[in-house]
């Protein structure tokens, strides 16, 4: 896949956007893009990845809800 074009619905109509995929590399036998360029009518930026891992274990604690709101004076 090289490009995905999409439309985001808004109260003033649909806004077009696209994602361009590049720099494909083999990861666990699957070709994965290591660069994604995201374009909208207002902005364009590029995400570049140095490492991609598939099926990496995630601790269940990562899915716990926070204890409460964080106050603005806490880091």
Protein backbone atom coordinates (compact mmCIF):
# COMPACT_ATOMS: atom_id res chain seq x y z
CA UNK A 1 0.00 0.00 0.00
CA UNK A 2 1.36 3.39 -0.93
CA UNK A 3 -1.48 5.79 -0.09
CA UNK A 4 -4.76 6.00 1.82
CA UNK A 5 -7.12 8.86 1.00
CA UNK A 6 -9.88 9.64 3.48
CA UNK A 7 -12.55 12.19 4.32
CA UNK A 8 -13.29 13.36 7.85
CA UNK A 9 -16.90 14.47 8.40
CA UNK A 10 -17.28 17.86 10.11
CA UNK A 11 -20.24 20.20 10.70
CA UNK A 12 -19.09 22.26 7.68
CA UNK A 13 -18.58 19.29 5.34
CA UNK A 14 -16.02 16.59 4.67
CA UNK A 15 -12.33 17.43 4.96
CA UNK A 16 -9.94 15.44 2.72
CA UNK A 17 -6.73 13.91 3.96
CA UNK A 18 -4.21 11.31 2.96
CA UNK A 19 -1.46 9.11 4.36
CA UNK A 20 1.51 8.12 2.21
CA UNK A 21 3.55 5.07 3.24
CA UNK A 22 7.24 4.60 2.37
CA UNK A 23 10.52 2.94 3.39
CA UNK A 24 9.06 -0.56 3.72
CA UNK A 25 11.18 -3.09 5.61
CA UNK A 26 10.73 -6.71 6.61
CA UNK A 27 9.50 -7.20 10.22
CA UNK A 28 8.82 -10.80 11.29
CA UNK A 29 8.16 -11.75 7.67
CA UNK A 30 5.78 -8.82 7.00
CA UNK A 31 6.60 -5.67 5.01
CA UNK A 32 5.98 -2.65 7.28
CA UNK A 33 6.29 1.07 6.42
CA UNK A 34 8.90 2.89 8.48
CA UNK A 35 7.79 6.30 7.19
CA UNK A 36 4.26 7.73 7.07
CA UNK A 37 3.48 11.18 5.66
CA UNK A 38 0.14 12.53 6.93
CA UNK A 39 -1.45 15.36 4.95
CA UNK A 40 -4.59 17.38 5.64
CA UNK A 41 -5.89 20.64 4.23
CA UNK A 42 -4.14 22.46 7.09
CA UNK A 43 -0.94 20.55 7.76
CA UNK A 44 1.55 17.95 6.56
CA UNK A 45 3.93 16.04 8.78
CA UNK A 46 6.03 12.90 8.51
CA UNK A 47 6.37 10.15 11.10
CA UNK A 48 9.61 8.15 10.84
CA UNK A 49 10.09 4.96 12.82
CA UNK A 50 13.47 3.48 13.75
CA UNK A 51 12.01 0.26 15.19
CA UNK A 52 8.75 -1.64 14.64
CA UNK A 53 7.82 -4.69 16.75
CA UNK A 54 4.83 -6.97 16.25
CA UNK A 55 2.91 -8.82 18.99
CA UNK A 56 4.94 -7.28 21.80
CA UNK A 57 3.60 -8.28 25.23
CA UNK A 58 1.90 -5.47 27.16
CA UNK A 59 1.43 -5.66 30.93
CA UNK A 60 -2.22 -5.68 32.04
CA UNK A 61 -1.41 -2.79 34.41
CA UNK A 62 -1.08 -0.51 31.35
CA UNK A 63 -4.86 -0.79 30.90
CA UNK A 64 -5.78 0.27 34.48
CA UNK A 65 -7.80 3.45 34.81
CA UNK A 66 -5.96 6.36 36.45
CA UNK A 67 -6.70 6.91 40.14
CA UNK A 68 -8.09 10.40 39.62
CA UNK A 69 -7.58 13.67 37.80
CA UNK A 70 -4.08 15.08 37.77
CA UNK A 71 -3.90 18.62 39.08
CA UNK A 72 -2.17 21.22 36.88
CA UNK A 73 0.67 21.70 39.39
CA UNK A 74 1.74 18.01 39.17
CA UNK A 75 4.23 16.98 36.48
